[in-house]
C-alpha atoms as a PDB file:
ATOM      1  CA  MET A   1       0.162  -0.236  -0.339  1.00  0.00           C
ATOM      2  CA  SER A   2       2.742   2.543   1.035  1.00  0.00           C
ATOM      3  CA  ARG A   3       4.614   2.256  -2.646  1.00  0.00           C
ATOM      4  CA  LYS A   4       1.597   2.964  -4.539  1.00  0.00           C
ATOM      5  CA  ALA A   5       0.454   6.304  -2.096  1.00  0.00           C
ATOM      6  CA  MET A   6       4.326   6.901  -2.431  1.00  0.00           C
ATOM      7  CA  ALA A   7       4.091   6.748  -5.988  1.00  0.00           C
ATOM      8  CA  LEU A   8       0.483   8.408  -6.539  1.00  0.00           C
ATOM      9  CA  ILE A   9       1.863  11.231  -4.370  1.00  0.00           C
ATOM     10  CA  ARG A  10       5.087  11.210  -6.398  1.00  0.00           C
ATOM     11  CA  ALA A  11       3.311  11.811  -9.509  1.00  0.00           C
ATOM     12  CA  ILE A  12       0.946  14.418  -8.436  1.00  0.00           C
ATOM     13  CA  ASP A  13       3.823  16.415  -6.587  1.00  0.00           C
ATOM     14  CA  ILE A  14       6.701  16.067  -9.169  1.00  0.00           C
ATOM     15  CA  SER A  15       3.944  16.713 -12.147  1.00  0.00           C
ATOM     16  CA  VAL A  16       2.341  19.562 -10.501  1.00  0.00           C
ATOM     17  CA  SER A  17       5.844  21.228  -9.859  1.00  0.00           C
ATOM     18  CA  TYR A  18       7.362  21.021 -13.310  1.00  0.00           C
ATOM     19  CA  VAL A  19       4.165  22.043 -15.084  1.00  0.00           C
ATOM     20  CA  CYS A  20       4.523  25.177 -12.837  1.00  0.00           C
ATOM     21  CA  ILE A  21       8.399  25.646 -12.838  1.00  0.00           C
ATOM     22  CA  SER A  22       7.915  25.718 -16.461  1.00  0.00           C
ATOM     23  CA  ALA A  23       5.065  28.193 -17.533  1.00  0.00           C
ATOM     24  CA  LEU A  24       7.124  30.200 -14.802  1.00  0.00           C
ATOM     25  CA  VAL A  25      10.207  30.548 -16.970  1.00  0.00           C
ATOM     26  CA  ILE A  26       8.202  30.645 -20.139  1.00  0.00           C
ATOM     27  CA  LEU A  27       6.452  32.994 -18.670  1.00  0.00           C
ATOM     28  CA  THR A  28       8.568  35.535 -17.400  1.00  0.00           C
ATOM     29  CA  VAL A  29      10.511  35.082 -20.678  1.00  0.00           C
ATOM     30  CA  LEU A  30       7.806  36.082 -22.529  1.00  0.00           C
ATOM     31  CA  GLY A  31       6.653  38.848 -20.414  1.00  0.00           C
ATOM     32  CA  VAL A  32      10.611  39.852 -20.815  1.00  0.00           C
ATOM     33  CA  VAL A  33      10.184  39.862 -24.776  1.00  0.00           C
ATOM     34  CA  MET A  34       6.730  41.637 -24.390  1.00  0.00           C
ATOM     35  CA  ARG A  35       8.035  44.265 -22.178  1.00  0.00           C
ATOM     36  CA  TYR A  36      11.560  45.324 -23.742  1.00  0.00           C
ATOM     37  CA  ALA A  37      11.171  43.483 -27.415  1.00  0.00           C
ATOM     38  CA  VAL A  38       7.462  44.626 -28.090  1.00  0.00           C
ATOM     39  CA  GLY A  39       6.795  47.550 -26.048  1.00  0.00           C
ATOM     40  CA  ALA A  40       3.641  45.954 -24.654  1.00  0.00           C
ATOM     41  CA  PRO A  41       3.756  44.771 -21.439  1.00  0.00           C
ATOM     42  CA  LEU A  42       1.201  42.080 -20.112  1.00  0.00           C
ATOM     43  CA  ILE A  43      -0.768  43.113 -17.488  1.00  0.00           C
ATOM     44  CA  TRP A  44      -2.043  39.698 -16.196  1.00  0.00           C
ATOM     45  CA  LEU A  45       1.719  37.938 -15.902  1.00  0.00           C
ATOM     46  CA  GLU A  46       1.857  38.843 -12.238  1.00  0.00           C
ATOM     47  CA  GLU A  47      -1.190  37.490 -11.326  1.00  0.00           C
ATOM     48  CA  VAL A  48       0.021  34.329 -13.011  1.00  0.00           C
ATOM     49  CA  GLN A  49       3.133  34.140 -11.959  1.00  0.00           C
ATOM     50  CA  MET A  50       2.079  34.290  -8.230  1.00  0.00           C
ATOM     51  CA  MET A  51      -0.927  32.043  -8.546  1.00  0.00           C
ATOM     52  CA  LEU A  52       2.191  29.558 -10.003  1.00  0.00           C
ATOM     53  CA  ILE A  53       4.796  30.203  -7.380  1.00  0.00           C
ATOM     54  CA  VAL A  54       2.404  29.769  -3.957  1.00  0.00           C
ATOM     55  CA  TRP A  55       1.174  26.365  -6.173  1.00  0.00           C
ATOM     56  CA  LEU A  56       5.314  25.281  -6.854  1.00  0.00           C
ATOM     57  CA  VAL A  57       6.407  25.870  -3.271  1.00  0.00           C
ATOM     58  CA  MET A  58       3.438  23.777  -1.863  1.00  0.00           C
ATOM     59  CA  PHE A  59       4.039  21.144  -4.192  1.00  0.00           C
ATOM     60  CA  ALA A  60       7.473  20.797  -4.455  1.00  0.00           C
ATOM     61  CA  GLY A  61       7.784  20.723  -0.648  1.00  0.00           C
ATOM     62  CA  SER A  62       5.417  17.676  -0.622  1.00  0.00           C
ATOM     63  CA  ALA A  63       8.948  16.361  -2.695  1.00  0.00           C
ATOM     64  CA  ALA A  64      11.251  17.664  -0.378  1.00  0.00           C
ATOM     65  CA  PHE A  65       9.816  15.812   2.681  1.00  0.00           C
ATOM     66  CA  ARG A  66       9.870  12.229   0.576  1.00  0.00           C
ATOM     67  CA  GLU A  67      13.439  13.435  -0.356  1.00  0.00           C
ATOM     68  CA  PHE A  68      14.487  14.950   2.521  1.00  0.00           C
ATOM     69  CA  GLY A  69      15.346  18.041   0.950  1.00  0.00           C
ATOM     70  CA  HIS A  70      14.281  20.105   3.704  1.00  0.00           C
ATOM     71  CA  VAL A  71      16.683  21.498   5.789  1.00  0.00           C
ATOM     72  CA  SER A  72      17.634  19.704   9.551  1.00  0.00           C
ATOM     73  CA  ILE A  73      20.126  20.491  12.169  1.00  0.00           C
ATOM     74  CA  ASP A  74      21.200  17.277  13.762  1.00  0.00           C
ATOM     75  CA  ALA A  75      24.084  18.863  16.259  1.00  0.00           C
ATOM     76  CA  VAL A  76      21.803  17.623  19.444  1.00  0.00           C
ATOM     77  CA  PHE A  77      20.763  14.623  17.637  1.00  0.00           C
ATOM     78  CA  GLU A  78      23.972  13.262  16.883  1.00  0.00           C
ATOM     79  CA  MET A  79      25.109  13.428  20.751  1.00  0.00           C
ATOM     80  CA  LEU A  80      21.953  11.353  22.447  1.00  0.00           C
ATOM     81  CA  PRO A  81      22.181   7.677  22.765  1.00  0.00           C
ATOM     82  CA  PRO A  82      20.027   5.174  20.666  1.00  0.00           C
ATOM     83  CA  VAL A  83      17.526   5.795  23.215  1.00  0.00           C
ATOM     84  CA  GLY A  84      17.213   9.144  23.181  1.00  0.00           C
ATOM     85  CA  LYS A  85      17.336   9.471  19.290  1.00  0.00           C
ATOM     86  CA  ARG A  86      14.402   7.316  19.031  1.00  0.00           C
ATOM     87  CA  ALA A  87      12.402   8.897  21.215  1.00  0.00           C
ATOM     88  CA  LEU A  88      13.394  12.581  19.672  1.00  0.00           C
ATOM     89  CA  GLU A  89      12.618  10.941  16.350  1.00  0.00           C
ATOM     90  CA  TYR A  90       8.996  10.589  17.462  1.00  0.00           C
ATOM     91  CA  VAL A  91       8.825  13.985  19.165  1.00  0.00           C
ATOM     92  CA  ILE A  92       9.981  14.932  15.791  1.00  0.00           C
ATOM     93  CA  ALA A  93       7.549  12.992  14.335  1.00  0.00           C
ATOM     94  CA  ILE A  94       4.285  13.961  16.555  1.00  0.00           C
ATOM     95  CA  PHE A  95       5.334  18.166  16.132  1.00  0.00           C
ATOM     96  CA  VAL A  96       5.583  17.560  11.275  1.00  0.00           C
ATOM     97  CA  VAL A  97       2.484  16.354  11.860  1.00  0.00           C
ATOM     98  CA  GLY A  98       0.405  18.661  14.007  1.00  0.00           C
ATOM     99  CA  VAL A  99       1.851  21.716  11.842  1.00  0.00           C
ATOM    100  CA  LEU A 100       0.802  20.592   9.047  1.00  0.00           C
ATOM    101  CA  ALA A 101      -2.585  18.945  10.034  1.00  0.00           C
ATOM    102  CA  MET A 102      -2.670  22.642  11.267  1.00  0.00           C
ATOM    103  CA  LEU A 103      -1.815  23.631   7.949  1.00  0.00           C
ATOM    104  CA  VAL A 104      -4.518  22.102   6.400  1.00  0.00           C
ATOM    105  CA  TRP A 105      -6.850  22.726   8.482  1.00  0.00           C
ATOM    106  CA  ALA A 106      -6.647  26.376   8.638  1.00  0.00           C
ATOM    107  CA  GLY A 107      -5.543  26.376   4.903  1.00  0.00           C
ATOM    108  CA  SER A 108      -8.956  24.934   3.958  1.00  0.00           C
ATOM    109  CA  ALA A 109     -10.735  27.784   6.862  1.00  0.00           C
ATOM    110  CA  PHE A 110      -9.129  30.141   4.826  1.00  0.00           C
ATOM    111  CA  VAL A 111      -9.861  29.010   0.761  1.00  0.00           C
ATOM    112  CA  LEU A 112     -13.576  28.913   2.250  1.00  0.00           C
ATOM    113  CA  PHE A 113     -13.491  32.632   3.525  1.00  0.00           C
ATOM    114  CA  GLN A 114     -11.717  33.129   0.047  1.00  0.00           C
ATOM    115  CA  PHE A 115     -14.562  31.660  -1.978  1.00  0.00           C
ATOM    116  CA  GLY A 116     -17.338  33.120   0.754  1.00  0.00           C
ATOM    117  CA  ALA A 117     -16.448  36.583  -0.080  1.00  0.00           C
ATOM    118  CA  ASN A 118     -15.997  36.314  -3.613  1.00  0.00           C
ATOM    119  CA  ARG A 119     -12.472  37.389  -3.475  1.00  0.00           C
ATOM    120  CA  VAL A 120     -11.140  37.519  -6.814  1.00  0.00           C
ATOM    121  CA  THR A 121      -7.697  38.703  -8.206  1.00  0.00           C
ATOM    122  CA  ASP A 122      -7.356  42.117  -9.827  1.00  0.00           C
ATOM    123  CA  VAL A 123      -7.008  41.456 -13.857  1.00  0.00           C
ATOM    124  CA  LEU A 124      -7.915  38.418 -14.445  1.00  0.00           C
ATOM    125  CA  ARG A 125     -10.482  37.942 -11.803  1.00  0.00           C
ATOM    126  CA  ILE A 126      -9.514  34.696 -10.490  1.00  0.00           C
ATOM    127  CA  PRO A 127     -11.185  33.681  -7.366  1.00  0.00           C
ATOM    128  CA  TYR A 128      -8.287  33.694  -4.383  1.00  0.00           C
ATOM    129  CA  GLY A 129      -9.709  30.244  -3.280  1.00  0.00           C
ATOM    130  CA  LEU A 130      -8.233  29.109  -6.226  1.00  0.00           C
ATOM    131  CA  VAL A 131      -4.687  30.228  -5.711  1.00  0.00           C
ATOM    132  CA  TYR A 132      -4.687  29.423  -2.360  1.00  0.00           C
ATOM    133  CA  MET A 133      -6.182  25.976  -2.121  1.00  0.00           C
ATOM    134  CA  ALA A 134      -2.146  25.087  -2.704  1.00  0.00           C
ATOM    135  CA  VAL A 135      -2.007  25.448   0.829  1.00  0.00           C
ATOM    136  CA  PRO A 136      -4.432  22.776   2.031  1.00  0.00           C
ATOM    137  CA  VAL A 137      -4.098  20.258  -0.752  1.00  0.00           C
ATOM    138  CA  GLY A 138       0.297  20.929  -0.569  1.00  0.00           C
ATOM    139  CA  SER A 139       0.023  20.585   3.025  1.00  0.00           C
ATOM    140  CA  LEU A 140      -1.565  17.306   3.139  1.00  0.00           C
ATOM    141  CA  LEU A 141       0.416  16.441   0.326  1.00  0.00           C
ATOM    142  CA  MET A 142       3.370  17.461   2.624  1.00  0.00           C
ATOM    143  CA  MET A 143       1.982  15.032   5.638  1.00  0.00           C
ATOM    144  CA  LEU A 144       1.144  12.219   3.540  1.00  0.00           C
ATOM    145  CA  SER A 145       4.996  12.319   2.041  1.00  0.00           C
ATOM    146  CA  TYR A 146       6.264  12.700   5.647  1.00  0.00           C
ATOM    147  CA  LEU A 147       3.960   9.917   6.889  1.00  0.00           C
ATOM    148  CA  PHE A 148       4.976   7.334   4.262  1.00  0.00           C
ATOM    149  CA  SER A 149       8.951   8.054   3.963  1.00  0.00           C
ATOM    150  CA  GLU A 150       9.669   8.832   7.481  1.00  0.00           C
ATOM    151  CA  ILE A 151       6.824   7.470  10.099  1.00  0.00           C
ATOM    152  CA  VAL A 152       5.903   4.225   8.364  1.00  0.00           C
ATOM    153  CA  PRO A 153       9.939   3.250   8.253  1.00  0.00           C
ATOM    154  CA  LEU A 154      10.319   4.445  11.484  1.00  0.00           C
ATOM    155  CA  ILE A 155       7.307   2.391  13.302  1.00  0.00           C
ATOM    156  CA  ARG A 156       8.560  -0.775  11.019  1.00  0.00           C
ATOM    157  CA  ALA A 157      11.728  -0.415  12.703  1.00  0.00           C
ATOM    158  CA  ASP A 158      10.510  -0.304  16.049  1.00  0.00           C
ATOM    159  CA  ARG A 159       8.658  -3.522  15.368  1.00  0.00           C
ATOM    160  CA  ARG A 160      11.564  -5.404  14.022  1.00  0.00           C
ATOM    161  CA  MET A 161      13.306  -3.941  17.254  1.00  0.00           C
ATOM    162  CA  ALA A 162      11.021  -5.317  20.079  1.00  0.00           C
END
């Protein structure tokens, strides 16, 4: 189950990240050409770039959890005995899942608020709820990536040691 779940999560977060970064590069180059070579700037470009950056950060964050790409400071961890290391791993896991769960909950509430307030972007009139939907969805993917890449192996290792 966890291999299939990880493959699905990977397909989602990597695909969305690639699309966002590719679109950002293409649109930014297009924007520079239009502004300086043609003399006709794209007035909607900044809105689209902002949306793409929000989605890119949240979905690439999920991939970073799975690939152990987030920054960690392990000086204290390395000084602990094996039992202390294991206990700290569980404390960290609870903290990380708690923060991500809070982001899913608060992000969902914020998205619902944006839709309820009928807030839209100035130029393209895209609902801000769609823009910020990346926060709860990306946080959920981060939580699942962390669960399958860190917590499940941690629990399995404890079962083997018992």
